[in-house]
Protein backbone atom coordinates (compact mmCIF):
# COMPACT_ATOMS: atom_id res chain seq x y z
CA UNK A 1 -34.36 39.67 -55.83
CA UNK A 2 -34.51 43.41 -55.10
CA UNK A 3 -33.06 44.14 -58.54
CA UNK A 4 -36.26 43.61 -60.58
CA UNK A 5 -38.72 45.82 -58.61
CA UNK A 6 -36.14 48.59 -58.11
CA UNK A 7 -35.24 48.60 -61.80
CA UNK A 8 -38.94 48.71 -62.71
CA UNK A 9 -39.46 51.64 -60.31
CA UNK A 10 -36.51 53.46 -61.90
CA UNK A 11 -37.99 52.94 -65.40
CA UNK A 12 -41.29 54.49 -64.26
CA UNK A 13 -39.52 57.45 -62.62
CA UNK A 14 -37.35 58.01 -65.70
CA UNK A 15 -40.47 58.62 -67.80
CA UNK A 16 -42.01 61.22 -65.48
CA UNK A 17 -41.59 64.85 -66.55
CA UNK A 18 -38.92 66.89 -64.80
CA UNK A 19 -40.90 70.13 -64.73
CA UNK A 20 -44.42 70.57 -63.48
CA UNK A 21 -46.25 73.70 -62.39
CA UNK A 22 -44.55 73.62 -59.00
CA UNK A 23 -40.82 74.38 -58.99
CA UNK A 24 -40.01 72.08 -56.07
CA UNK A 25 -41.00 69.02 -58.15
CA UNK A 26 -37.95 69.43 -60.39
CA UNK A 27 -35.34 69.04 -57.63
CA UNK A 28 -37.24 66.27 -55.91
CA UNK A 29 -37.81 64.07 -58.98
CA UNK A 30 -34.23 64.38 -60.29
CA UNK A 31 -32.84 63.42 -56.85
CA UNK A 32 -35.40 60.65 -56.34
CA UNK A 33 -34.31 59.01 -59.61
CA UNK A 34 -30.70 59.09 -58.38
CA UNK A 35 -31.67 57.61 -55.03
CA UNK A 36 -33.60 54.74 -56.64
CA UNK A 37 -30.71 54.10 -59.05
CA UNK A 38 -28.47 53.80 -55.98
CA UNK A 39 -30.69 51.04 -54.59
CA UNK A 40 -29.57 48.75 -57.41
CA UNK A 41 -26.99 46.32 -55.97
CA UNK A 42 -24.21 47.22 -58.46
CA UNK A 43 -24.52 50.99 -58.14
CA UNK A 44 -23.12 53.60 -55.79
CA UNK A 45 -24.68 57.04 -56.16
CA UNK A 46 -23.33 60.04 -54.20
CA UNK A 47 -25.14 62.87 -52.45
CA UNK A 48 -27.07 65.52 -54.35
CA UNK A 49 -26.83 63.63 -57.68
CA UNK A 50 -29.47 64.66 -60.20
CA UNK A 51 -30.70 62.25 -62.87
CA UNK A 52 -32.93 63.93 -65.45
CA UNK A 53 -35.74 62.46 -67.53
CA UNK A 54 -35.26 59.40 -69.73
CA UNK A 55 -31.70 58.50 -68.66
CA UNK A 56 -31.35 54.87 -69.70
CA UNK A 57 -29.30 52.11 -68.13
CA UNK A 58 -29.81 48.40 -67.53
CA UNK A 59 -29.88 45.97 -64.62
CA UNK A 60 -26.38 44.64 -65.33
CA UNK A 61 -24.68 48.04 -65.38
CA UNK A 62 -22.32 49.12 -62.58
CA UNK A 63 -22.63 52.87 -62.05
CA UNK A 64 -20.60 54.90 -59.58
CA UNK A 65 -21.57 58.59 -59.63
CA UNK A 66 -19.94 61.14 -57.31
CA UNK A 67 -21.58 63.87 -55.25
CA UNK A 68 -23.18 66.90 -56.97
CA UNK A 69 -23.13 65.37 -60.44
CA UNK A 70 -25.94 65.87 -62.98
CA UNK A 71 -26.83 63.50 -65.83
CA UNK A 72 -29.20 65.31 -68.21
CA UNK A 73 -32.08 64.11 -70.42
CA UNK A 74 -31.89 61.14 -72.80
CA UNK A 75 -28.40 59.97 -71.83
CA UNK A 76 -27.49 56.29 -72.07
CA UNK A 77 -25.18 54.84 -69.40
CA UNK A 78 -24.58 51.14 -70.01
CA UNK A 79 -21.85 48.96 -68.48
CA UNK A 80 -19.08 49.72 -66.00
CA UNK A 81 -19.00 53.51 -65.56
CA UNK A 82 -17.46 55.73 -62.89
CA UNK A 83 -18.25 59.46 -62.92
CA UNK A 84 -16.56 61.74 -60.39
CA UNK A 85 -17.87 64.56 -58.23
CA UNK A 86 -19.24 67.88 -59.56
CA UNK A 87 -19.60 66.63 -63.15
CA UNK A 88 -22.15 67.41 -65.83
CA UNK A 89 -23.15 64.92 -68.49
CA UNK A 90 -25.39 66.78 -70.93
CA UNK A 91 -28.33 65.64 -73.07
CA UNK A 92 -28.20 62.70 -75.47
CA UNK A 93 -24.71 61.55 -74.48
CA UNK A 94 -23.99 57.83 -74.77
CA UNK A 95 -21.39 56.22 -72.52
CA UNK A 96 -20.52 52.63 -73.40
CA UNK A 97 -18.97 50.92 -70.38
CA UNK A 98 -18.49 47.53 -72.06
CA UNK A 99 -14.87 47.68 -70.90
CA UNK A 100 -14.80 50.50 -68.36
CA UNK A 101 -15.18 54.28 -68.49
CA UNK A 102 -13.72 56.48 -65.75
CA UNK A 103 -14.52 60.21 -65.70
CA UNK A 104 -12.70 62.43 -63.18
CA UNK A 105 -14.06 65.14 -60.88
CA UNK A 106 -15.22 68.55 -62.16
CA UNK A 107 -15.53 67.35 -65.76
CA UNK A 108 -18.07 68.60 -68.29
CA UNK A 109 -19.33 66.21 -70.97
CA UNK A 110 -21.26 68.18 -73.60
CA UNK A 111 -24.36 67.25 -75.60
CA UNK A 112 -24.50 64.27 -77.96
CA UNK A 113 -21.09 62.85 -77.08
CA UNK A 114 -20.21 59.20 -77.71
CA UNK A 115 -17.70 57.60 -75.34
CA UNK A 116 -16.63 54.04 -76.12
CA UNK A 117 -14.80 51.37 -74.13
CA UNK A 118 -14.66 48.54 -76.66
CA UNK A 119 -13.87 47.93 -80.29
CA UNK A 120 -14.49 45.10 -82.74
CA UNK A 121 -11.69 42.96 -84.17
CA UNK A 122 -12.28 43.58 -87.89
CA UNK A 123 -8.87 42.94 -89.49
CA UNK A 124 -9.65 39.46 -90.77
CA UNK A 125 -11.75 39.44 -93.94
CA UNK A 126 -12.61 35.81 -93.17
CA UNK A 127 -14.74 36.81 -90.17
CA UNK A 128 -18.09 38.45 -90.82
CA UNK A 129 -18.07 41.94 -89.31
CA UNK A 130 -21.27 41.29 -87.38
CA UNK A 131 -19.60 38.19 -85.87
CA UNK A 132 -16.35 39.97 -85.00
CA UNK A 133 -14.97 39.69 -81.49
CA UNK A 134 -15.69 42.56 -79.10
CA UNK A 135 -12.51 43.74 -77.34
CA UNK A 136 -13.15 45.63 -74.06
CA UNK A 137 -10.78 48.42 -73.00
CA UNK A 138 -10.66 51.08 -70.30
CA UNK A 139 -11.29 54.67 -71.38
CA UNK A 140 -10.20 57.40 -68.97
CA UNK A 141 -11.26 61.05 -69.00
CA UNK A 142 -9.36 63.05 -66.36
CA UNK A 143 -10.30 65.78 -63.91
CA UNK A 144 -11.38 69.25 -65.03
CA UNK A 145 -11.87 68.17 -68.65
CA UNK A 146 -14.28 69.87 -71.05
CA UNK A 147 -15.65 67.86 -73.98
CA UNK A 148 -17.75 70.19 -76.09
CA UNK A 149 -20.76 68.78 -77.97
CA UNK A 150 -20.71 65.94 -80.51
CA UNK A 151 -17.30 64.64 -79.45
CA UNK A 152 -16.43 60.99 -80.04
CA UNK A 153 -13.94 59.32 -77.72
CA UNK A 154 -12.66 55.98 -78.99
CA UNK A 155 -12.01 53.02 -76.70
CA UNK A 156 -8.81 52.75 -74.69
CA UNK A 157 -8.12 56.50 -74.87
CA UNK A 158 -6.71 58.45 -71.94
CA UNK A 159 -7.58 62.14 -71.80
CA UNK A 160 -5.43 63.62 -69.04
CA UNK A 161 -6.45 66.37 -66.57
CA UNK A 162 -7.25 69.97 -67.64
CA UNK A 163 -7.88 69.13 -71.31
CA UNK A 164 -10.45 70.82 -73.58
CA UNK A 165 -11.74 69.01 -76.69
CA UNK A 166 -13.52 71.14 -79.31
CA UNK A 167 -16.94 70.67 -80.90
CA UNK A 168 -17.32 67.74 -83.28
CA UNK A 169 -13.88 66.27 -82.58
CA UNK A 170 -13.04 62.57 -82.68
CA UNK A 171 -10.42 61.56 -80.12
CA UNK A 172 -8.40 58.63 -81.47
CA UNK A 173 -5.16 59.16 -79.50
CA UNK A 174 -4.32 60.00 -75.90
CA UNK A 175 -4.53 63.69 -74.94
CA UNK A 176 -1.77 65.33 -72.89
CA UNK A 177 -2.47 67.34 -69.74
CA UNK A 178 -3.24 71.09 -70.09
CA UNK A 179 -3.82 71.20 -73.86
CA UNK A 180 -6.69 72.03 -76.22
CA UNK A 181 -7.58 69.52 -78.95
CA UNK A 182 -9.89 69.76 -81.95
CA UNK A 183 -10.57 68.11 -85.28
CA UNK A 184 -11.20 64.71 -86.80
CA UNK A 185 -8.97 63.12 -85.74
CA UNK A 186 -8.43 65.46 -82.78
CA UNK A 187 -5.01 67.11 -82.67
CA UNK A 188 -3.35 69.57 -80.33
CA UNK A 189 -4.24 73.18 -81.27
CA UNK A 190 -3.32 75.12 -78.15
CA UNK A 191 -2.21 75.11 -74.57
CA UNK A 192 -4.15 76.01 -71.43
CA UNK A 193 -1.95 78.45 -69.52
């Protein structure tokens, strides 16, 4: 029964501005949103998490967010999502946790990224595409990963630790540890040494 009023309170808080005339408001409101989100029965929110204005989720989502992580304005976090400690998820990023999305510690997710954890079974021409079966998968983004802006990560992908993915890339295959990827589809273009 606690779910409805807490979710309603979160919706109200998500619409309040982050910055007012007084500087202390900013820290308090971003942390208050995180605290209220943690009151939802499915969620576990760490210490010093900051949730910025208009971050959208729903009552059915299961969010685990580690200490000292920031989720910036206008992000959408829906489904089963785990974000590690000391992470940044920048503005307008959409994380689809229909299957599951796991993001490791110290990872930076740039602006306007799309991270998927499901695909549609579209091979049969006898099934209407809007009636196609949704196939959930787990998508894993490792520790100390940098996804620059406007990166797409397809469902079921594993991006290993210490990887950098360049601006505008689409990740359609797993990414090996300690490499730099870019392009559409993303391919290995360098090594982090």
